[in-house]
N, C-alpha and C. Protein backbone atom coordinates (compact mmCIF):
# COMPACT_ATOMS: atom_id res chain seq x y z
N MET A 1 0.08 20.41 -13.35
CA MET A 1 -0.49 19.40 -13.87
C MET A 1 0.39 17.92 -13.84
N MET A 2 -0.68 17.39 -12.38
CA MET A 2 -0.53 16.06 -11.96
C MET A 2 -0.37 14.92 -13.04
N GLU A 3 0.74 14.10 -12.15
CA GLU A 3 1.05 13.06 -13.18
C GLU A 3 0.32 12.17 -12.45
N ARG A 4 0.04 11.33 -13.26
CA ARG A 4 -0.90 9.59 -13.29
C ARG A 4 0.27 8.74 -13.18
N ARG A 5 0.13 7.71 -11.80
CA ARG A 5 0.63 7.09 -11.68
C ARG A 5 0.06 5.34 -11.39
N LEU A 6 0.39 4.15 -11.82
CA LEU A 6 -0.32 3.54 -11.16
C LEU A 6 0.18 2.89 -10.46
N TYR A 7 -0.68 2.54 -9.27
CA TYR A 7 -0.24 2.22 -7.87
C TYR A 7 -2.19 1.44 -7.74
N ARG A 8 -0.98 0.01 -6.88
CA ARG A 8 -2.37 -0.88 -6.17
C ARG A 8 -2.93 0.29 -5.34
N SER A 9 -3.93 -0.20 -4.98
CA SER A 9 -4.78 0.90 -4.67
C SER A 9 -4.35 0.82 -2.83
N ARG A 10 -4.79 1.57 -1.78
CA ARG A 10 -5.13 1.18 -0.18
C ARG A 10 -6.51 0.97 -0.11
N TYR A 11 -7.35 2.11 -0.54
CA TYR A 11 -8.45 2.15 0.04
C TYR A 11 -9.74 1.13 -1.21
N ASP A 12 -9.71 0.95 -1.81
CA ASP A 12 -10.42 0.03 -3.20
C ASP A 12 -9.76 -0.97 -3.26
N LYS A 13 -9.55 -2.21 -2.06
CA LYS A 13 -9.43 -3.30 -2.69
C LYS A 13 -9.85 -4.39 -1.95
N ARG A 14 -10.04 -5.58 -2.98
CA ARG A 14 -11.27 -6.65 -1.69
C ARG A 14 -9.66 -7.71 -1.80
N LEU A 15 -8.74 -8.08 -2.88
CA LEU A 15 -7.83 -8.85 -2.35
C LEU A 15 -6.48 -8.24 -2.56
N PHE A 16 -5.69 -7.74 -3.60
CA PHE A 16 -4.35 -7.14 -3.41
C PHE A 16 -4.22 -5.05 -4.00
N GLY A 17 -5.78 -4.92 -4.42
CA GLY A 17 -6.08 -3.81 -4.58
C GLY A 17 -5.21 -3.06 -6.61
N VAL A 18 -5.12 -4.50 -7.38
CA VAL A 18 -4.72 -4.26 -8.37
C VAL A 18 -6.53 -3.36 -9.25
N CYS A 19 -7.38 -4.15 -8.99
CA CYS A 19 -8.50 -3.70 -9.79
C CYS A 19 -8.56 -1.87 -9.46
N GLY A 20 -8.36 -1.88 -8.08
CA GLY A 20 -9.07 -1.15 -7.17
C GLY A 20 -8.48 0.30 -8.44
N GLY A 21 -6.79 0.17 -8.28
CA GLY A 21 -5.58 0.93 -8.79
C GLY A 21 -5.69 1.16 -10.26
N VAL A 22 -6.24 0.09 -10.45
CA VAL A 22 -6.33 0.59 -12.61
C VAL A 22 -7.64 1.12 -12.97
N ALA A 23 -8.31 0.56 -11.75
CA ALA A 23 -10.03 1.72 -11.61
C ALA A 23 -9.43 2.99 -11.90
N ARG A 24 -8.87 3.20 -10.32
CA ARG A 24 -8.41 4.98 -10.23
C ARG A 24 -7.39 4.87 -11.31
N PHE A 25 -6.55 4.66 -12.51
CA PHE A 25 -5.86 5.18 -12.63
C PHE A 25 -7.13 5.59 -14.09
N LEU A 26 -8.24 4.85 -15.00
CA LEU A 26 -8.55 4.70 -15.84
C LEU A 26 -9.88 5.86 -15.39
N GLY A 27 -10.20 6.12 -14.18
CA GLY A 27 -11.07 6.51 -13.70
C GLY A 27 -12.97 6.53 -13.89
N VAL A 28 -12.48 5.51 -13.53
CA VAL A 28 -13.76 4.22 -14.14
C VAL A 28 -13.90 3.37 -12.27
N ASP A 29 -15.53 3.47 -12.36
CA ASP A 29 -15.55 2.45 -11.55
C ASP A 29 -14.85 0.62 -11.12
N ALA A 30 -14.21 0.84 -10.15
CA ALA A 30 -14.03 -0.28 -9.56
C ALA A 30 -14.84 -1.41 -10.37
N THR A 31 -15.94 -1.29 -9.50
CA THR A 31 -16.51 -2.88 -9.74
C THR A 31 -16.32 -3.44 -11.08
N LEU A 32 -16.26 -2.20 -12.04
CA LEU A 32 -16.60 -2.82 -13.73
C LEU A 32 -15.45 -3.47 -13.85
N VAL A 33 -14.47 -2.96 -13.34
CA VAL A 33 -12.73 -4.11 -13.90
C VAL A 33 -13.08 -4.66 -13.16
N ARG A 34 -13.32 -5.03 -11.72
CA ARG A 34 -13.40 -6.40 -11.38
C ARG A 34 -13.81 -7.43 -12.93
N ILE A 35 -15.34 -6.54 -12.83
CA ILE A 35 -16.39 -7.66 -13.78
C ILE A 35 -15.70 -7.67 -14.62
N GLY A 36 -14.99 -6.55 -14.97
CA GLY A 36 -13.96 -7.25 -16.32
C GLY A 36 -13.16 -8.38 -16.19
N VAL A 37 -12.71 -8.08 -15.80
CA VAL A 37 -11.80 -9.37 -15.26
C VAL A 37 -11.88 -10.65 -15.00
N VAL A 38 -13.67 -11.32 -14.29
CA VAL A 38 -14.01 -11.51 -13.73
C VAL A 38 -14.76 -12.92 -15.20
N ILE A 39 -15.27 -11.68 -15.93
CA ILE A 39 -15.83 -12.27 -17.57
C ILE A 39 -14.51 -13.11 -18.34
N LEU A 40 -13.13 -12.15 -18.34
CA LEU A 40 -12.08 -12.66 -19.64
C LEU A 40 -11.63 -13.16 -18.81
N THR A 41 -11.16 -13.29 -17.72
CA THR A 41 -11.31 -14.94 -16.90
C THR A 41 -12.21 -15.93 -17.11
N LEU A 42 -12.91 -16.18 -17.01
CA LEU A 42 -14.04 -17.13 -17.21
C LEU A 42 -13.59 -18.09 -18.98
N PHE A 43 -13.93 -16.62 -19.82
CA PHE A 43 -12.99 -17.21 -21.02
C PHE A 43 -12.24 -17.89 -21.44
N THR A 44 -10.90 -16.87 -20.69
CA THR A 44 -9.35 -16.99 -21.21
C THR A 44 -8.35 -17.76 -19.98
N GLY A 45 -8.74 -17.02 -19.23
CA GLY A 45 -7.75 -17.25 -18.07
C GLY A 45 -6.93 -16.92 -18.02
N LEU A 46 -6.61 -15.53 -18.81
CA LEU A 46 -5.00 -15.14 -18.73
C LEU A 46 -5.24 -14.22 -18.01
N PRO A 47 -6.06 -13.36 -17.57
CA PRO A 47 -6.25 -12.04 -16.96
C PRO A 47 -5.52 -12.59 -15.57
N LEU A 48 -6.39 -14.08 -14.98
CA LEU A 48 -5.66 -14.54 -13.42
C LEU A 48 -4.23 -13.70 -13.29
N LEU A 49 -3.34 -14.71 -14.53
CA LEU A 49 -2.35 -14.51 -14.27
C LEU A 49 -1.20 -12.84 -14.08
N ILE A 50 -2.25 -12.02 -15.35
CA ILE A 50 -1.78 -10.83 -15.39
C ILE A 50 -2.20 -9.99 -14.05
N TYR A 51 -3.17 -10.58 -13.68
CA TYR A 51 -3.43 -9.88 -12.05
C TYR A 51 -2.76 -10.15 -11.30
N PHE A 52 -2.37 -11.56 -10.63
CA PHE A 52 -0.89 -11.83 -10.00
C PHE A 52 0.69 -11.09 -10.09
N LEU A 53 0.36 -11.16 -11.36
CA LEU A 53 1.93 -10.60 -11.77
C LEU A 53 1.65 -9.29 -11.88
N LEU A 54 0.84 -8.31 -12.01
CA LEU A 54 0.54 -7.08 -11.45
C LEU A 54 0.81 -6.97 -9.86
N ALA A 55 0.05 -8.04 -9.01
CA ALA A 55 0.26 -7.59 -7.60
C ALA A 55 1.37 -7.05 -7.24
N LEU A 56 2.15 -8.60 -7.89
CA LEU A 56 4.41 -8.33 -7.44
C LEU A 56 5.00 -7.27 -8.22
N LEU A 57 4.22 -6.46 -9.17
CA LEU A 57 5.17 -5.70 -9.71
C LEU A 57 4.48 -4.20 -9.52
N MET A 58 3.46 -3.77 -9.47
CA MET A 58 3.13 -2.51 -8.74
C MET A 58 2.56 -2.21 -7.69
N PRO A 59 3.54 -0.83 -7.68
CA PRO A 59 3.97 -0.48 -6.59
C PRO A 59 2.45 -0.03 -5.56
N LYS A 60 2.63 0.15 -4.36
CA LYS A 60 1.46 0.52 -3.21
C LYS A 60 1.06 1.52 -3.65
N GLU A 61 0.22 2.15 -3.66
CA GLU A 61 -1.04 3.42 -3.49
C GLU A 61 0.19 3.60 -1.64
N PRO A 62 1.23 4.83 -2.18
CA PRO A 62 1.76 6.11 -0.88
C PRO A 62 0.44 6.57 -0.50
N VAL A 63 0.80 7.08 0.83
CA VAL A 63 -0.31 7.42 2.03
C VAL A 63 0.13 8.85 1.80
N TRP A 64 -0.01 9.76 1.66
CA TRP A 64 0.38 11.42 1.43
C TRP A 64 0.09 11.73 2.64
N SER A 65 1.00 12.65 3.57
CA SER A 65 0.76 13.51 5.00
C SER A 65 -0.12 14.13 4.39
N TYR A 66 -0.06 15.28 3.70
CA TYR A 66 -0.85 16.30 3.31
C TYR A 66 -1.99 16.57 3.31
N GLY A 67 -2.03 14.51 2.33
CA GLY A 67 -3.53 13.99 2.55
C GLY A 67 -4.80 14.83 2.22
N HIS A 68 -5.38 14.87 0.91
CA HIS A 68 -7.20 14.69 0.68
C HIS A 68 -6.92 13.69 0.19
N GLU A 69 -5.93 12.35 -0.53
CA GLU A 69 -6.39 11.20 -1.06
C GLU A 69 -6.68 9.86 0.41
N SER A 70 -5.70 10.80 0.99
CA SER A 70 -5.34 9.74 2.56
C SER A 70 -6.80 9.30 3.37
N SER A 71 -7.45 10.93 3.22
CA SER A 71 -9.07 11.01 3.76
C SER A 71 -10.19 10.29 2.96
N ASP A 72 -10.29 9.73 2.81
CA ASP A 72 -10.98 8.75 2.22
C ASP A 72 -11.72 8.03 3.18
N PRO A 73 -13.02 8.51 2.80
CA PRO A 73 -14.29 8.25 3.74
C PRO A 73 -14.40 7.22 3.79
N TYR A 74 -14.14 5.72 2.72
CA TYR A 74 -14.95 4.98 1.92
C TYR A 74 -13.62 4.21 2.56
N ASP A 75 -11.84 4.91 2.88
CA ASP A 75 -11.45 3.90 4.05
C ASP A 75 -11.62 3.15 5.57
N PRO A 76 -11.40 2.12 4.93
CA PRO A 76 -12.15 0.95 7.51
C PRO A 76 -11.05 2.24 7.87
N MET A 77 -10.19 2.44 7.48
CA MET A 77 -8.92 2.90 9.15
C MET A 77 -9.29 4.21 8.78
N PHE A 78 -10.67 4.57 7.92
CA PHE A 78 -10.63 6.39 7.41
C PHE A 78 -10.93 7.20 9.05
N GLY A 79 -10.59 7.77 10.08
CA GLY A 79 -10.80 8.53 11.01
C GLY A 79 -9.57 8.43 12.10
N ARG A 80 -9.29 6.90 11.72
CA ARG A 80 -8.20 6.79 12.50
C ARG A 80 -6.72 7.05 12.55
N GLY A 81 -6.23 7.51 11.46
CA GLY A 81 -5.13 8.07 11.06
C GLY A 81 -3.77 7.13 10.60
N CYS A 82 -3.90 5.86 10.48
CA CYS A 82 -2.86 4.91 10.33
C CYS A 82 -3.34 3.98 9.19
N ASP A 83 -2.31 2.97 9.07
CA ASP A 83 -3.11 2.07 8.60
C ASP A 83 -1.82 1.11 8.45
N LEU A 84 -2.47 -1.07 8.48
CA LEU A 84 -1.62 -1.58 8.93
C LEU A 84 -0.31 -1.63 8.33
N ASP A 85 0.34 -1.21 7.18
CA ASP A 85 1.71 -0.31 6.66
C ASP A 85 2.23 0.18 7.28
N SER A 86 1.56 1.04 7.89
CA SER A 86 2.02 2.49 8.39
C SER A 86 2.48 2.16 9.80
N GLU A 87 1.74 1.21 10.64
CA GLU A 87 1.98 1.05 11.86
C GLU A 87 3.01 0.25 12.03
N ILE A 88 3.18 -0.72 11.11
CA ILE A 88 4.08 -2.07 10.85
C ILE A 88 5.04 -0.66 11.22
N GLU A 89 5.55 0.06 9.55
CA GLU A 89 6.92 1.05 9.35
C GLU A 89 7.15 1.85 10.73
N ARG A 90 6.53 2.27 11.71
CA ARG A 90 6.28 2.59 12.65
C ARG A 90 6.84 1.93 14.01
N LEU A 91 6.62 0.92 14.09
CA LEU A 91 7.01 0.41 14.77
C LEU A 91 8.86 -0.91 14.51
N GLU A 92 8.74 -0.30 13.19
CA GLU A 92 9.78 -0.77 12.59
C GLU A 92 11.27 0.01 12.87
N LYS A 93 10.77 1.17 13.19
CA LYS A 93 11.89 2.73 12.95
C LYS A 93 11.92 2.58 14.96
N ARG A 94 11.07 2.75 15.43
CA ARG A 94 10.86 2.53 17.07
C ARG A 94 11.55 1.08 17.60
N ALA A 95 12.10 -0.05 17.35
CA ALA A 95 13.00 -0.71 17.20
C ALA A 95 14.08 -0.09 16.69
N LEU A 96 14.50 -0.05 15.56
CA LEU A 96 15.71 0.29 15.27
C LEU A 96 16.51 1.78 16.28
N VAL A 97 15.43 2.49 16.38
CA VAL A 97 15.99 4.04 17.36
C VAL A 97 16.53 3.12 18.99
N GLN A 98 15.53 2.31 18.67
CA GLN A 98 16.24 1.57 20.41
C GLN A 98 17.75 0.68 20.42
N GLU A 99 17.29 -0.09 19.25
CA GLU A 99 18.72 -0.56 18.82
C GLU A 99 19.94 0.30 19.45
N VAL A 100 19.64 1.56 18.11
CA VAL A 100 20.97 2.49 18.45
C VAL A 100 21.08 3.17 19.77
N HIS A 101 20.35 2.83 20.71
CA HIS A 101 20.69 3.93 21.27
C HIS A 101 21.36 2.71 22.50
N ARG A 102 20.77 0.86 22.41
CA ARG A 102 21.30 0.26 22.99
C ARG A 102 22.90 0.07 23.17
N LEU A 103 23.08 0.25 21.48
CA LEU A 103 24.55 0.18 21.13
C LEU A 103 25.38 1.29 21.04
N ARG A 104 24.91 2.24 21.58
CA ARG A 104 25.56 3.93 21.59
C ARG A 104 26.04 3.40 22.97
N ALA A 105 24.93 2.68 23.83
CA ALA A 105 25.38 2.96 25.66
C ALA A 105 26.33 1.72 25.45
N GLU A 106 26.39 0.59 24.86
CA GLU A 106 27.65 -0.83 24.93
C GLU A 106 28.79 -0.48 24.67
N LEU A 107 28.70 0.90 23.38
CA LEU A 107 30.12 1.71 22.58
C LEU A 107 30.45 2.15 23.82
N ALA A 108 29.81 3.06 24.84
CA ALA A 108 30.30 4.11 26.01
C ALA A 108 30.89 3.30 26.66
N LYS A 109 30.43 2.82 27.03
CA LYS A 109 30.98 0.99 28.28
C LYS A 109 32.01 1.00 27.84
N TRP A 110 32.48 0.52 26.64
CA TRP A 110 33.71 -0.62 26.03
C TRP A 110 34.32 1.21 25.79
N ARG A 111 34.55 2.33 25.86
CA ARG A 111 35.47 3.17 25.81
C ARG A 111 35.89 3.81 26.44
N GLY A 112 34.73 4.12 27.79
CA GLY A 112 35.23 3.76 29.24
C GLY A 112 36.08 2.62 29.54
N VAL A 113 36.16 1.34 29.69
CA VAL A 113 37.41 0.44 30.18
C VAL A 113 38.24 0.60 29.99
């Protein structure tokens, strides 16, 4: 049995992906969740605060490398193999590796003195 978790959606988002994540968790259409949030916000104003709190607290949906879920044809990055977050993560790792190589070369220079 697969465990259901509440994540901010990477693929079905307009602002932060909260409504898309809640809709996936509940198994309903994200448009219905968005309409419900707008209607409740107009009458009470409370869902707007809850939305921004959830945007801060909910983790972003993970990208599965084996991925049937990451190959969503409605994903604007479909077919490109990565999204902005994974590209930033790749660049950060590359920069760290380059820094490690630079520090190793500097350490070897000091050991040789």
